[in-house]
Amino acid sequence: EQFPTLAGARGYYGGLVSLHGLTRGQGNCPGSAVGEGTYNQGGPTVGRVACYRLDDGTPTVVWTNEPLRVVATMIGTKATPKRLLAVWKEAGPYRRS
């Protein structure tokens, strides 16, 4: 979802992080199945990413793209956390120059 303001995107993402019991900057996402941190696309930090499992154990990745004011979610209903993270690393959105 694209937000009209960066503050709106950050607030929505922060709510999801809190809802799923994560603490900002703890854990090793995108390196493991649970955690929250920043990511980049080969340069400066682009946004934040959270990895967690839903109540039924389904792995989930939520991330922001701050330049685009986007918050996106990927749910791996049949994927392992490792596979879901591999797919996430290839997902957009990307800003093209």
Protein backbone atom coordinates (compact mmCIF):
# COMPACT_ATOMS: atom_id res chain seq x y z
CA GLU A 1 0.00 0.00 0.00
CA GLN A 2 1.28 3.46 -0.86
CA PHE A 3 0.73 6.18 1.73
CA PRO A 4 0.33 9.90 1.10
CA THR A 5 3.03 10.65 3.69
CA LEU A 6 6.15 8.92 4.96
CA ALA A 7 4.86 9.37 8.51
CA GLY A 8 1.73 7.41 7.59
CA ALA A 9 3.79 4.56 6.12
CA ARG A 10 6.07 4.47 9.14
CA GLY A 11 3.12 4.50 11.54
CA TYR A 12 1.36 1.64 9.76
CA TYR A 13 4.54 -0.46 9.64
CA GLY A 14 5.30 0.28 13.29
CA GLY A 15 1.82 -0.90 14.24
CA LEU A 16 2.35 -4.21 12.42
CA VAL A 17 5.72 -4.70 14.11
CA SER A 18 4.18 -4.11 17.54
CA LEU A 19 1.13 -6.25 16.80
CA HIS A 20 3.36 -9.25 16.09
CA GLY A 21 5.50 -8.80 19.19
CA LEU A 22 8.66 -7.60 17.47
CA THR A 23 11.02 -4.94 18.73
CA ARG A 24 12.54 -2.49 16.28
CA GLY A 25 16.16 -3.38 15.53
CA GLN A 26 16.12 -6.78 17.26
CA GLY A 27 16.61 -10.12 15.60
CA ASN A 28 18.11 -10.76 12.22
CA CYS A 29 15.65 -9.99 9.47
CA PRO A 30 16.21 -10.38 6.56
CA GLY A 31 18.74 -12.99 7.68
CA SER A 32 16.35 -15.25 9.63
CA ALA A 33 12.69 -16.06 10.16
CA VAL A 34 12.11 -13.65 13.06
CA GLY A 35 13.33 -10.11 13.61
CA GLU A 36 13.22 -6.50 12.43
CA GLY A 37 15.80 -4.23 10.88
CA THR A 38 16.80 -2.09 7.92
CA TYR A 39 17.70 -3.08 4.37
CA ASN A 40 19.26 -1.54 1.30
CA GLN A 41 19.39 -2.30 -2.39
CA GLY A 42 23.13 -1.95 -2.85
CA GLY A 43 23.37 1.60 -1.48
CA PRO A 44 21.91 3.62 1.37
CA THR A 45 19.11 2.27 3.56
CA VAL A 46 15.83 2.06 1.63
CA GLY A 47 13.52 1.03 4.46
CA ARG A 48 12.76 -1.42 7.23
CA VAL A 49 11.86 -5.12 7.10
CA ALA A 50 10.19 -7.41 9.63
CA CYS A 51 10.06 -11.21 9.58
CA TYR A 52 7.64 -13.17 11.75
CA ARG A 53 5.23 -16.09 11.79
CA LEU A 54 1.47 -15.75 11.89
CA ASP A 55 -0.46 -17.58 14.63
CA ASP A 56 -0.71 -20.67 12.39
CA GLY A 57 3.07 -20.68 11.78
CA THR A 58 2.97 -19.14 8.30
CA PRO A 59 6.15 -17.13 7.59
CA THR A 60 5.56 -13.47 6.77
CA VAL A 61 7.74 -10.58 5.61
CA VAL A 62 6.61 -6.94 5.84
CA TRP A 63 8.76 -4.12 4.52
CA THR A 64 8.79 -0.43 3.78
CA ASN A 65 10.21 1.39 0.82
CA GLU A 66 10.60 4.86 2.27
CA PRO A 67 11.36 6.79 -0.93
CA LEU A 68 8.08 5.45 -2.37
CA ARG A 69 6.14 5.61 0.96
CA VAL A 70 5.11 1.96 0.50
CA VAL A 71 4.42 -0.81 3.02
CA ALA A 72 4.15 -4.29 1.52
CA THR A 73 3.50 -7.77 2.91
CA MET A 74 4.49 -11.19 1.60
CA ILE A 75 2.92 -14.28 3.18
CA GLY A 76 4.43 -17.69 2.39
CA THR A 77 1.54 -20.10 2.80
CA LYS A 78 3.59 -23.02 1.47
CA ALA A 79 7.08 -21.53 1.71
CA THR A 80 9.73 -22.05 4.32
CA PRO A 81 11.05 -18.86 5.94
CA LYS A 82 14.30 -19.29 3.98
CA ARG A 83 12.45 -19.54 0.66
CA LEU A 84 10.17 -16.61 1.50
CA LEU A 85 13.19 -14.43 2.24
CA ALA A 86 14.83 -15.47 -1.03
CA VAL A 87 11.69 -14.41 -2.94
CA TRP A 88 11.51 -11.15 -0.96
CA LYS A 89 15.05 -10.24 -2.00
CA GLU A 90 13.90 -10.34 -5.64
CA ALA A 91 10.60 -8.49 -5.05
CA GLY A 92 9.91 -4.83 -5.77
CA PRO A 93 8.99 -2.09 -5.65
CA TYR A 94 12.06 -0.52 -7.17
CA ARG A 95 12.55 3.10 -8.04
CA ARG A 96 13.88 3.39 -11.56
CA SER A 97 15.95 6.39 -12.52
